[in-house]
Amino acid sequence: MVLGRCNEEACLTQKITRLITGVISGHLRRMSWFVRQLMLTMQKQAMIWRSG
C-alpha cells in the first residue's frame, strides 16, 4: 500500500513538474519572440532617427 502511494505521489510530482516546465518553456518562447520584435522595432526607430 505504502509503495503504491509513493508511486502515485511520484507520478503526480512528475506531472506537475512537466506541466510547470511546459508552461515556462512556452513563456520563454513567447518572451524571446516578443524581445526579438521589440529589438527590431527599436532598430527601425534608431534608423529613422539617424536618417531624420
C-alpha atoms as a PDB file:
ATOM      1  CA  MET A   1       0.000   0.000   0.000  1.00  0.00           C
ATOM      2  CA  VAL A   2       2.745   2.445   1.014  1.00  0.00           C
ATOM      3  CA  LEU A   3       4.720   1.667  -2.136  1.00  0.00           C
ATOM      4  CA  GLY A   4       1.653   2.318  -4.284  1.00  0.00           C
ATOM      5  CA  ARG A   5       1.037   5.629  -2.568  1.00  0.00           C
ATOM      6  CA  CYS A   6       4.660   6.658  -3.030  1.00  0.00           C
ATOM      7  CA  ASN A   7       4.400   5.785  -6.716  1.00  0.00           C
ATOM      8  CA  GLU A   8       1.231   7.847  -7.034  1.00  0.00           C
ATOM      9  CA  GLU A   9       2.931  10.809  -5.370  1.00  0.00           C
ATOM     10  CA  ALA A  10       5.947  10.447  -7.633  1.00  0.00           C
ATOM     11  CA  CYS A  11       3.658  10.301 -10.669  1.00  0.00           C
ATOM     12  CA  LEU A  12       1.832  13.433  -9.509  1.00  0.00           C
ATOM     13  CA  THR A  13       5.116  15.243  -8.884  1.00  0.00           C
ATOM     14  CA  GLN A  14       6.312  14.248 -12.344  1.00  0.00           C
ATOM     15  CA  LYS A  15       3.079  15.519 -13.914  1.00  0.00           C
ATOM     16  CA  ILE A  16       3.319  18.827 -12.044  1.00  0.00           C
ATOM     17  CA  THR A  17       6.994  19.215 -12.969  1.00  0.00           C
ATOM     18  CA  ARG A  18       6.221  18.514 -16.631  1.00  0.00           C
ATOM     19  CA  LEU A  19       3.342  20.998 -16.558  1.00  0.00           C
ATOM     20  CA  ILE A  20       5.494  23.712 -14.968  1.00  0.00           C
ATOM     21  CA  THR A  21       8.409  23.156 -17.355  1.00  0.00           C
ATOM     22  CA  GLY A  22       5.998  23.200 -20.312  1.00  0.00           C
ATOM     23  CA  VAL A  23       4.454  26.472 -19.181  1.00  0.00           C
ATOM     24  CA  ILE A  24       7.864  28.043 -18.519  1.00  0.00           C
ATOM     25  CA  SER A  25       9.298  26.949 -21.882  1.00  0.00           C
ATOM     26  CA  GLY A  26       6.165  28.267 -23.606  1.00  0.00           C
ATOM     27  CA  HIS A  27       6.513  31.607 -21.845  1.00  0.00           C
ATOM     28  CA  LEU A  28      10.223  31.762 -22.703  1.00  0.00           C
ATOM     29  CA  ARG A  29       9.463  31.090 -26.367  1.00  0.00           C
ATOM     30  CA  ARG A  30       6.808  33.804 -26.375  1.00  0.00           C
ATOM     31  CA  MET A  31       9.108  36.170 -24.480  1.00  0.00           C
ATOM     32  CA  SER A  32      12.037  35.600 -26.856  1.00  0.00           C
ATOM     33  CA  TRP A  33       9.703  36.310 -29.815  1.00  0.00           C
ATOM     34  CA  PHE A  34       8.457  39.469 -28.083  1.00  0.00           C
ATOM     35  CA  VAL A  35      12.023  40.581 -27.302  1.00  0.00           C
ATOM     36  CA  ARG A  36      13.060  39.969 -30.918  1.00  0.00           C
ATOM     37  CA  GLN A  37      10.114  42.052 -32.176  1.00  0.00           C
ATOM     38  CA  LEU A  38      10.961  44.795 -29.677  1.00  0.00           C
ATOM     39  CA  MET A  39      14.617  44.830 -30.768  1.00  0.00           C
ATOM     40  CA  LEU A  40      13.626  45.030 -34.449  1.00  0.00           C
ATOM     41  CA  THR A  41      11.258  47.925 -33.696  1.00  0.00           C
ATOM     42  CA  MET A  42      13.968  49.721 -31.730  1.00  0.00           C
ATOM     43  CA  GLN A  43      16.461  49.235 -34.569  1.00  0.00           C
ATOM     44  CA  LYS A  44      13.939  50.636 -37.084  1.00  0.00           C
ATOM     45  CA  GLN A  45      13.280  53.636 -34.795  1.00  0.00           C
ATOM     46  CA  ALA A  46      17.035  54.236 -34.462  1.00  0.00           C
ATOM     47  CA  MET A  47      17.473  54.106 -38.256  1.00  0.00           C
ATOM     48  CA  ILE A  48      14.628  56.611 -38.726  1.00  0.00           C
ATOM     49  CA  TRP A  49      16.072  58.948 -36.085  1.00  0.00           C
ATOM     50  CA  ARG A  50      19.573  58.743 -37.586  1.00  0.00           C
ATOM     51  CA  SER A  51      18.377  59.457 -41.135  1.00  0.00           C
ATOM     52  CA  GLY A  52      15.997  62.224 -39.916  1.00  0.00           C
END
